[in-house]
């Protein structure tokens, strides 16, 4: 969705980057964890462009990262189909 030439200066939701972002926040800030070593982070993006997005990030880390998950609700904004020609 990032297309500055078409007037879209940012992605309304960057799901693929949310897991690594969560791990970075856990590693480099003083974010609190629950008793099971689970961190919960909420990423909000796209509000300024009128396409609000909320992505929930869950990180489970003890000595090492055990689990990184992202989630949230979604709405289909478009679809497409890729066809190949048969020779």
PDB file of N, CA and C in Angstrom:
ATOM      1  N   UNK A   1       0.811  -1.202   0.000  1.00  0.00           N
ATOM      2  CA  UNK A   1       0.000   0.000   0.000  1.00  0.00           C
ATOM      3  C   UNK A   1       0.850   1.259   0.000  1.00  0.00           C
ATOM      4  N   UNK A   2       2.122   1.153   0.194  1.00  0.00           N
ATOM      5  CA  UNK A   2       3.004   2.315   0.217  1.00  0.00           C
ATOM      6  C   UNK A   2       3.251   2.761  -1.216  1.00  0.00           C
ATOM      7  N   UNK A   3       2.726   3.938  -1.586  1.00  0.00           N
ATOM      8  CA  UNK A   3       2.869   4.444  -2.954  1.00  0.00           C
ATOM      9  C   UNK A   3       2.885   5.972  -2.944  1.00  0.00           C
ATOM     10  N   UNK A   4       4.016   6.580  -2.599  1.00  0.00           N
ATOM     11  CA  UNK A   4       4.075   8.040  -2.502  1.00  0.00           C
ATOM     12  C   UNK A   4       3.666   8.750  -3.802  1.00  0.00           C
ATOM     13  N   UNK A   5       3.978   8.195  -4.950  1.00  0.00           N
ATOM     14  CA  UNK A   5       3.630   8.834  -6.220  1.00  0.00           C
ATOM     15  C   UNK A   5       2.114   8.875  -6.447  1.00  0.00           C
ATOM     16  N   UNK A   6       1.376   8.016  -5.741  1.00  0.00           N
ATOM     17  CA  UNK A   6      -0.077   7.979  -5.867  1.00  0.00           C
ATOM     18  C   UNK A   6      -0.767   8.640  -4.668  1.00  0.00           C
ATOM     19  N   UNK A   7       0.005   9.369  -3.858  1.00  0.00           N
ATOM     20  CA  UNK A   7      -0.567  10.070  -2.715  1.00  0.00           C
ATOM     21  C   UNK A   7      -0.724   9.228  -1.472  1.00  0.00           C
ATOM     22  N   UNK A   8      -0.072   8.059  -1.408  1.00  0.00           N
ATOM     23  CA  UNK A   8      -0.140   7.204  -0.222  1.00  0.00           C
ATOM     24  C   UNK A   8       1.246   7.231   0.435  1.00  0.00           C
ATOM     25  N   UNK A   9       1.451   8.152   1.399  1.00  0.00           N
ATOM     26  CA  UNK A   9       2.793   8.349   1.965  1.00  0.00           C
ATOM     27  C   UNK A   9       3.231   7.300   2.977  1.00  0.00           C
ATOM     28  N   UNK A  10       2.297   6.451   3.431  1.00  0.00           N
ATOM     29  CA  UNK A  10       2.659   5.411   4.403  1.00  0.00           C
ATOM     30  C   UNK A  10       1.705   4.239   4.267  1.00  0.00           C
ATOM     31  N   UNK A  11       2.088   3.101   4.787  1.00  0.00           N
ATOM     32  CA  UNK A  11       1.203   1.949   4.847  1.00  0.00           C
ATOM     33  C   UNK A  11       0.201   2.163   5.977  1.00  0.00           C
ATOM     34  N   UNK A  12      -1.074   1.832   5.759  1.00  0.00           N
ATOM     35  CA  UNK A  12      -2.010   1.919   6.868  1.00  0.00           C
ATOM     36  C   UNK A  12      -1.747   0.850   7.929  1.00  0.00           C
ATOM     37  N   UNK A  13      -1.163  -0.274   7.545  1.00  0.00           N
ATOM     38  CA  UNK A  13      -0.822  -1.335   8.496  1.00  0.00           C
ATOM     39  C   UNK A  13       0.398  -2.075   7.963  1.00  0.00           C
ATOM     40  N   UNK A  14       1.401  -2.237   8.808  1.00  0.00           N
ATOM     41  CA  UNK A  14       2.619  -2.933   8.397  1.00  0.00           C
ATOM     42  C   UNK A  14       2.747  -4.195   9.234  1.00  0.00           C
ATOM     43  N   UNK A  15       1.966  -5.218   8.897  1.00  0.00           N
ATOM     44  CA  UNK A  15       1.966  -6.454   9.663  1.00  0.00           C
ATOM     45  C   UNK A  15       3.299  -7.166   9.657  1.00  0.00           C
ATOM     46  N   UNK A  16       3.968  -7.216   8.504  1.00  0.00           N
ATOM     47  CA  UNK A  16       5.239  -7.948   8.406  1.00  0.00           C
ATOM     48  C   UNK A  16       6.327  -7.328   9.280  1.00  0.00           C
ATOM     49  N   UNK A  17       6.231  -6.044   9.548  1.00  0.00           N
ATOM     50  CA  UNK A  17       7.242  -5.383  10.377  1.00  0.00           C
ATOM     51  C   UNK A  17       6.889  -5.409  11.865  1.00  0.00           C
ATOM     52  N   UNK A  18       5.655  -5.775  12.200  1.00  0.00           N
ATOM     53  CA  UNK A  18       5.206  -5.686  13.589  1.00  0.00           C
ATOM     54  C   UNK A  18       5.911  -6.677  14.518  1.00  0.00           C
ATOM     55  N   UNK A  19       6.149  -7.896  14.076  1.00  0.00           N
ATOM     56  CA  UNK A  19       6.859  -8.876  14.904  1.00  0.00           C
ATOM     57  C   UNK A  19       8.269  -8.423  15.246  1.00  0.00           C
ATOM     58  N   UNK A  20       9.071  -8.050  14.232  1.00  0.00           N
ATOM     59  CA  UNK A  20      10.410  -7.537  14.535  1.00  0.00           C
ATOM     60  C   UNK A  20      10.379  -6.262  15.374  1.00  0.00           C
ATOM     61  N   UNK A  21       9.391  -5.388  15.142  1.00  0.00           N
ATOM     62  CA  UNK A  21       9.269  -4.186  15.965  1.00  0.00           C
ATOM     63  C   UNK A  21       9.034  -4.557  17.423  1.00  0.00           C
ATOM     64  N   UNK A  22       8.145  -5.520  17.667  1.00  0.00           N
ATOM     65  CA  UNK A  22       7.885  -5.969  19.036  1.00  0.00           C
ATOM     66  C   UNK A  22       9.127  -6.519  19.704  1.00  0.00           C
ATOM     67  N   UNK A  23       9.889  -7.339  18.980  1.00  0.00           N
ATOM     68  CA  UNK A  23      11.129  -7.889  19.534  1.00  0.00           C
ATOM     69  C   UNK A  23      12.133  -6.773  19.845  1.00  0.00           C
ATOM     70  N   UNK A  24      12.199  -5.778  18.986  1.00  0.00           N
ATOM     71  CA  UNK A  24      13.103  -4.642  19.218  1.00  0.00           C
ATOM     72  C   UNK A  24      12.687  -3.891  20.491  1.00  0.00           C
ATOM     73  N   UNK A  25      11.380  -3.643  20.643  1.00  0.00           N
ATOM     74  CA  UNK A  25      10.892  -2.937  21.827  1.00  0.00           C
ATOM     75  C   UNK A  25      11.196  -3.726  23.095  1.00  0.00           C
ATOM     76  N   UNK A  26      10.976  -5.040  23.062  1.00  0.00           N
ATOM     77  CA  UNK A  26      11.272  -5.888  24.225  1.00  0.00           C
ATOM     78  C   UNK A  26      12.759  -5.820  24.563  1.00  0.00           C
ATOM     79  N   UNK A  27      13.589  -5.853  23.545  1.00  0.00           N
ATOM     80  CA  UNK A  27      15.037  -5.902  23.747  1.00  0.00           C
ATOM     81  C   UNK A  27      15.627  -4.573  24.228  1.00  0.00           C
ATOM     82  N   UNK A  28      15.045  -3.458  23.794  1.00  0.00           N
ATOM     83  CA  UNK A  28      15.697  -2.159  24.012  1.00  0.00           C
ATOM     84  C   UNK A  28      14.917  -1.169  24.869  1.00  0.00           C
ATOM     85  N   UNK A  29      13.822  -1.591  25.497  1.00  0.00           N
ATOM     86  CA  UNK A  29      13.085  -0.699  26.394  1.00  0.00           C
ATOM     87  C   UNK A  29      12.774  -1.431  27.695  1.00  0.00           C
ATOM     88  N   UNK A  30      12.138  -0.732  28.607  1.00  0.00           N
ATOM     89  CA  UNK A  30      11.765  -1.313  29.909  1.00  0.00           C
ATOM     90  C   UNK A  30      10.297  -1.724  29.931  1.00  0.00           C
ATOM     91  N   UNK A  31       9.803  -2.313  28.871  1.00  0.00           N
ATOM     92  CA  UNK A  31       8.409  -2.740  28.804  1.00  0.00           C
ATOM     93  C   UNK A  31       8.177  -3.887  29.788  1.00  0.00           C
ATOM     94  N   UNK A  32       7.027  -3.871  30.432  1.00  0.00           N
ATOM     95  CA  UNK A  32       6.725  -4.886  31.446  1.00  0.00           C
ATOM     96  C   UNK A  32       6.232  -6.183  30.804  1.00  0.00           C
ATOM     97  N   UNK A  33       6.554  -7.281  31.449  1.00  0.00           N
ATOM     98  CA  UNK A  33       6.063  -8.595  31.021  1.00  0.00           C
ATOM     99  C   UNK A  33       5.135  -9.137  32.098  1.00  0.00           C
ATOM    100  N   UNK A  34       4.284 -10.112  31.710  1.00  0.00           N
ATOM    101  CA  UNK A  34       3.437 -10.730  32.726  1.00  0.00           C
ATOM    102  C   UNK A  34       4.204 -11.856  33.411  1.00  0.00           C
ATOM    103  N   UNK A  35       3.556 -12.595  34.284  1.00  0.00           N
ATOM    104  CA  UNK A  35       4.237 -13.626  35.078  1.00  0.00           C
ATOM    105  C   UNK A  35       4.756 -14.789  34.242  1.00  0.00           C
ATOM    106  N   UNK A  36       4.190 -14.996  33.063  1.00  0.00           N
ATOM    107  CA  UNK A  36       4.636 -16.098  32.203  1.00  0.00           C
ATOM    108  C   UNK A  36       5.706 -15.652  31.201  1.00  0.00           C
ATOM    109  N   UNK A  37       6.254 -14.459  31.359  1.00  0.00           N
ATOM    110  CA  UNK A  37       7.281 -13.972  30.441  1.00  0.00           C
ATOM    111  C   UNK A  37       6.711 -13.523  29.111  1.00  0.00           C
ATOM    112  N   UNK A  38       5.455 -13.060  29.091  1.00  0.00           N
ATOM    113  CA  UNK A  38       4.803 -12.639  27.856  1.00  0.00           C
ATOM    114  C   UNK A  38       4.667 -11.124  27.856  1.00  0.00           C
ATOM    115  N   UNK A  39       5.047 -10.525  26.752  1.00  0.00           N
ATOM    116  CA  UNK A  39       4.921  -9.088  26.545  1.00  0.00           C
ATOM    117  C   UNK A  39       3.777  -8.852  25.572  1.00  0.00           C
ATOM    118  N   UNK A  40       2.948  -7.854  25.850  1.00  0.00           N
ATOM    119  CA  UNK A  40       1.846  -7.509  24.944  1.00  0.00           C
ATOM    120  C   UNK A  40       1.991  -6.047  24.542  1.00  0.00           C
ATOM    121  N   UNK A  41       2.006  -5.826  23.229  1.00  0.00           N
ATOM    122  CA  UNK A  41       2.213  -4.493  22.665  1.00  0.00           C
ATOM    123  C   UNK A  41       1.104  -4.246  21.646  1.00  0.00           C
ATOM    124  N   UNK A  42       0.605  -3.035  21.583  1.00  0.00           N
ATOM    125  CA  UNK A  42      -0.382  -2.675  20.567  1.00  0.00           C
ATOM    126  C   UNK A  42       0.230  -1.595  19.670  1.00  0.00           C
ATOM    127  N   UNK A  43       0.243  -1.856  18.376  1.00  0.00           N
ATOM    128  CA  UNK A  43       0.759  -0.921  17.382  1.00  0.00           C
ATOM    129  C   UNK A  43      -0.415  -0.240  16.689  1.00  0.00           C
ATOM    130  N   UNK A  44      -0.421   1.084  16.694  1.00  0.00           N
ATOM    131  CA  UNK A  44      -1.455   1.855  16.018  1.00  0.00           C
ATOM    132  C   UNK A  44      -0.814   2.621  14.877  1.00  0.00           C
ATOM    133  N   UNK A  45      -1.387   2.492  13.705  1.00  0.00           N
ATOM    134  CA  UNK A  45      -0.788   3.087  12.513  1.00  0.00           C
ATOM    135  C   UNK A  45      -1.902   3.488  11.551  1.00  0.00           C
ATOM    136  N   UNK A  46      -1.652   4.478  10.698  1.00  0.00           N
ATOM    137  CA  UNK A  46      -2.565   4.848   9.630  1.00  0.00           C
ATOM    138  C   UNK A  46      -3.690   5.785  10.020  1.00  0.00           C
ATOM    139  N   UNK A  47      -3.740   6.238  11.269  1.00  0.00           N
ATOM    140  CA  UNK A  47      -4.836   7.094  11.711  1.00  0.00           C
ATOM    141  C   UNK A  47      -4.841   8.434  10.984  1.00  0.00           C
ATOM    142  N   UNK A  48      -3.654   9.027  10.784  1.00  0.00           N
ATOM    143  CA  UNK A  48      -3.561  10.333  10.140  1.00  0.00           C
ATOM    144  C   UNK A  48      -4.037  10.293   8.694  1.00  0.00           C
ATOM    145  N   UNK A  49      -3.935   9.132   8.052  1.00  0.00           N
ATOM    146  CA  UNK A  49      -4.336   9.024   6.650  1.00  0.00           C
ATOM    147  C   UNK A  49      -5.758   8.490   6.503  1.00  0.00           C
ATOM    148  N   UNK A  50      -6.482   8.369   7.613  1.00  0.00           N
ATOM    149  CA  UNK A  50      -7.860   7.927   7.555  1.00  0.00           C
ATOM    150  C   UNK A  50      -8.049   6.431   7.373  1.00  0.00           C
ATOM    151  N   UNK A  51      -6.993   5.641   7.589  1.00  0.00           N
ATOM    152  CA  UNK A  51      -7.076   4.173   7.475  1.00  0.00           C
ATOM    153  C   UNK A  51      -6.543   3.563   8.768  1.00  0.00           C
ATOM    154  N   UNK A  52      -7.266   3.749   9.877  1.00  0.00           N
ATOM    155  CA  UNK A  52      -6.748   3.299  11.168  1.00  0.00           C
ATOM    156  C   UNK A  52      -6.487   1.798  11.211  1.00  0.00           C
ATOM    157  N   UNK A  53      -5.376   1.466  11.831  1.00  0.00           N
ATOM    158  CA  UNK A  53      -4.944   0.072  11.929  1.00  0.00           C
ATOM    159  C   UNK A  53      -4.428  -0.181  13.334  1.00  0.00           C
ATOM    160  N   UNK A  54      -4.881  -1.279  13.921  1.00  0.00           N
ATOM    161  CA  UNK A  54      -4.392  -1.684  15.238  1.00  0.00           C
ATOM    162  C   UNK A  54      -3.883  -3.114  15.111  1.00  0.00           C
ATOM    163  N   UNK A  55      -2.612  -3.308  15.427  1.00  0.00           N
ATOM    164  CA  UNK A  55      -1.992  -4.637  15.360  1.00  0.00           C
ATOM    165  C   UNK A  55      -1.520  -5.006  16.759  1.00  0.00           C
ATOM    166  N   UNK A  56      -1.984  -6.153  17.244  1.00  0.00           N
ATOM    167  CA  UNK A  56      -1.558  -6.648  18.551  1.00  0.00           C
ATOM    168  C   UNK A  56      -0.337  -7.549  18.373  1.00  0.00           C
ATOM    169  N   UNK A  57       0.679  -7.283  19.179  1.00  0.00           N
ATOM    170  CA  UNK A  57       1.941  -8.024  19.126  1.00  0.00           C
ATOM    171  C   UNK A  57       2.108  -8.751  20.453  1.00  0.00           C
ATOM    172  N   UNK A  58       2.380 -10.038  20.389  1.00  0.00           N
ATOM    173  CA  UNK A  58       2.618 -10.837  21.594  1.00  0.00           C
ATOM    174  C   UNK A  58       3.992 -11.477  21.474  1.00  0.00           C
ATOM    175  N   UNK A  59       4.827 -11.243  22.454  1.00  0.00           N
ATOM    176  CA  UNK A  59       6.190 -11.790  22.478  1.00  0.00           C
ATOM    177  C   UNK A  59       6.328 -12.636  23.737  1.00  0.00           C
ATOM    178  N   UNK A  60       6.810 -13.859  23.570  1.00  0.00           N
ATOM    179  CA  UNK A  60       7.132 -14.698  24.737  1.00  0.00           C
ATOM    180  C   UNK A  60       8.636 -14.922  24.727  1.00  0.00           C
ATOM    181  N   UNK A  61       9.274 -14.453  25.798  1.00  0.00           N
ATOM    182  CA  UNK A  61      10.733 -14.545  25.880  1.00  0.00           C
ATOM    183  C   UNK A  61      11.124 -14.909  27.298  1.00  0.00           C
ATOM    184  N   UNK A  62      11.921 -15.950  27.398  1.00  0.00           N
ATOM    185  CA  UNK A  62      12.536 -16.256  28.690  1.00  0.00           C
ATOM    186  C   UNK A  62      14.004 -15.863  28.548  1.00  0.00           C
ATOM    187  N   UNK A  63      14.877 -16.793  28.336  1.00  0.00           N
ATOM    188  CA  UNK A  63      16.267 -16.428  28.021  1.00  0.00           C
ATOM    189  C   UNK A  63      16.391 -16.048  26.547  1.00  0.00           C
ATOM    190  N   UNK A  64      15.650 -16.759  25.729  1.00  0.00           N
ATOM    191  CA  UNK A  64      15.627 -16.501  24.285  1.00  0.00           C
ATOM    192  C   UNK A  64      14.188 -16.242  23.867  1.00  0.00           C
ATOM    193  N   UNK A  65      14.016 -15.765  22.659  1.00  0.00           N
ATOM    194  CA  UNK A  65      12.665 -15.559  22.132  1.00  0.00           C
ATOM    195  C   UNK A  65      12.036 -16.921  21.846  1.00  0.00           C
ATOM    196  N   UNK A  66      10.901 -17.179  22.466  1.00  0.00           N
ATOM    197  CA  UNK A  66      10.192 -18.443  22.295  1.00  0.00           C
ATOM    198  C   UNK A  66       9.079 -18.320  21.259  1.00  0.00           C
ATOM    199  N   UNK A  67       8.456 -17.132  21.191  1.00  0.00           N
ATOM    200  CA  UNK A  67       7.298 -16.966  20.315  1.00  0.00           C
ATOM    201  C   UNK A  67       7.108 -15.480  20.012  1.00  0.00           C
ATOM    202  N   UNK A  68       6.815 -15.181  18.751  1.00  0.00           N
ATOM    203  CA  UNK A  68       6.462 -13.836  18.314  1.00  0.00           C
ATOM    204  C   UNK A  68       5.202 -13.979  17.468  1.00  0.00           C
ATOM    205  N   UNK A  69       4.115 -13.321  17.901  1.00  0.00           N
ATOM    206  CA  UNK A  69       2.855 -13.420  17.168  1.00  0.00           C
ATOM    207  C   UNK A  69       2.282 -12.023  16.943  1.00  0.00           C
ATOM    208  N   UNK A  70       1.614 -11.854  15.806  1.00  0.00           N
ATOM    209  CA  UNK A  70       0.871 -10.628  15.556  1.00  0.00           C
ATOM    210  C   UNK A  70      -0.561 -11.013  15.226  1.00  0.00           C
ATOM    211  N   UNK A  71      -1.469 -10.095  15.452  1.00  0.00           N
ATOM    212  CA  UNK A  71      -2.860 -10.378  15.140  1.00  0.00           C
ATOM    213  C   UNK A  71      -3.693  -9.117  15.142  1.00  0.00           C
ATOM    214  N   UNK A  72      -4.918  -9.285  14.744  1.00  0.00           N
ATOM    215  CA  UNK A  72      -5.870  -8.187  14.698  1.00  0.00           C
ATOM    216  C   UNK A  72      -6.980  -8.538  13.734  1.00  0.00           C
ATOM    217  N   UNK A  73      -7.864  -7.615  13.507  1.00  0.00           N
ATOM    218  CA  UNK A  73      -8.961  -7.799  12.560  1.00  0.00           C
ATOM    219  C   UNK A  73      -8.559  -7.181  11.224  1.00  0.00           C
ATOM    220  N   UNK A  74      -9.186  -7.639  10.166  1.00  0.00           N
ATOM    221  CA  UNK A  74      -8.861  -7.083   8.847  1.00  0.00           C
ATOM    222  C   UNK A  74     -10.123  -6.921   8.016  1.00  0.00           C
ATOM    223  N   UNK A  75     -10.022  -6.083   7.022  1.00  0.00           N
ATOM    224  CA  UNK A  75     -11.094  -5.835   6.075  1.00  0.00           C
ATOM    225  C   UNK A  75     -10.494  -5.938   4.687  1.00  0.00           C
ATOM    226  N   UNK A  76     -11.133  -6.679   3.800  1.00  0.00           N
ATOM    227  CA  UNK A  76     -10.641  -6.785   2.426  1.00  0.00           C
ATOM    228  C   UNK A  76     -10.895  -5.453   1.724  1.00  0.00           C
ATOM    229  N   UNK A  77      -9.837  -4.844   1.238  1.00  0.00           N
ATOM    230  CA  UNK A  77      -9.933  -3.571   0.534  1.00  0.00           C
ATOM    231  C   UNK A  77      -9.869  -3.757  -0.978  1.00  0.00           C
ATOM    232  N   UNK A  78      -9.405  -4.895  -1.406  1.00  0.00           N
ATOM    233  CA  UNK A  78      -9.296  -5.177  -2.831  1.00  0.00           C
ATOM    234  C   UNK A  78      -8.834  -6.602  -3.013  1.00  0.00           C
ATOM    235  N   UNK A  79      -8.930  -7.080  -4.210  1.00  0.00           N
ATOM    236  CA  UNK A  79      -8.450  -8.422  -4.500  1.00  0.00           C
ATOM    237  C   UNK A  79      -7.968  -8.455  -5.942  1.00  0.00           C
ATOM    238  N   UNK A  80      -7.270  -9.494  -6.280  1.00  0.00           N
ATOM    239  CA  UNK A  80      -6.753  -9.634  -7.634  1.00  0.00           C
ATOM    240  C   UNK A  80      -6.470 -11.088  -7.938  1.00  0.00           C
ATOM    241  N   UNK A  81      -6.150 -11.327  -9.167  1.00  0.00           N
ATOM    242  CA  UNK A  81      -5.858 -12.675  -9.626  1.00  0.00           C
ATOM    243  C   UNK A  81      -4.714 -12.596 -10.615  1.00  0.00           C
ATOM    244  N   UNK A  82      -3.769 -13.493 -10.483  1.00  0.00           N
ATOM    245  CA  UNK A  82      -2.621 -13.543 -11.375  1.00  0.00           C
ATOM    246  C   UNK A  82      -2.817 -14.744 -12.306  1.00  0.00           C
ATOM    247  N   UNK A  83      -2.878 -14.483 -13.574  1.00  0.00           N
ATOM    248  CA  UNK A  83      -3.061 -15.529 -14.564  1.00  0.00           C
ATOM    249  C   UNK A  83      -1.787 -15.702 -15.373  1.00  0.00           C
ATOM    250  N   UNK A  84      -1.463 -16.916 -15.685  1.00  0.00           N
ATOM    251  CA  UNK A  84      -0.311 -17.190 -16.549  1.00  0.00           C
ATOM    252  C   UNK A  84      -0.826 -17.786 -17.856  1.00  0.00           C
ATOM    253  N   UNK A  85      -0.111 -17.509 -18.887  1.00  0.00           N
ATOM    254  CA  UNK A  85      -0.527 -18.041 -20.191  1.00  0.00           C
ATOM    255  C   UNK A  85       0.016 -19.457 -20.363  1.00  0.00           C
ATOM    256  N   UNK A  86      -0.768 -20.301 -20.973  1.00  0.00           N
ATOM    257  CA  UNK A  86      -0.360 -21.679 -21.257  1.00  0.00           C
ATOM    258  C   UNK A  86       0.267 -21.719 -22.640  1.00  0.00           C
ATOM    259  N   UNK A  87       1.400 -22.371 -22.767  1.00  0.00           N
ATOM    260  CA  UNK A  87       2.056 -22.488 -24.076  1.00  0.00           C
ATOM    261  C   UNK A  87       1.883 -23.867 -24.616  1.00  0.00           C
TER     262      UNK A  87
END
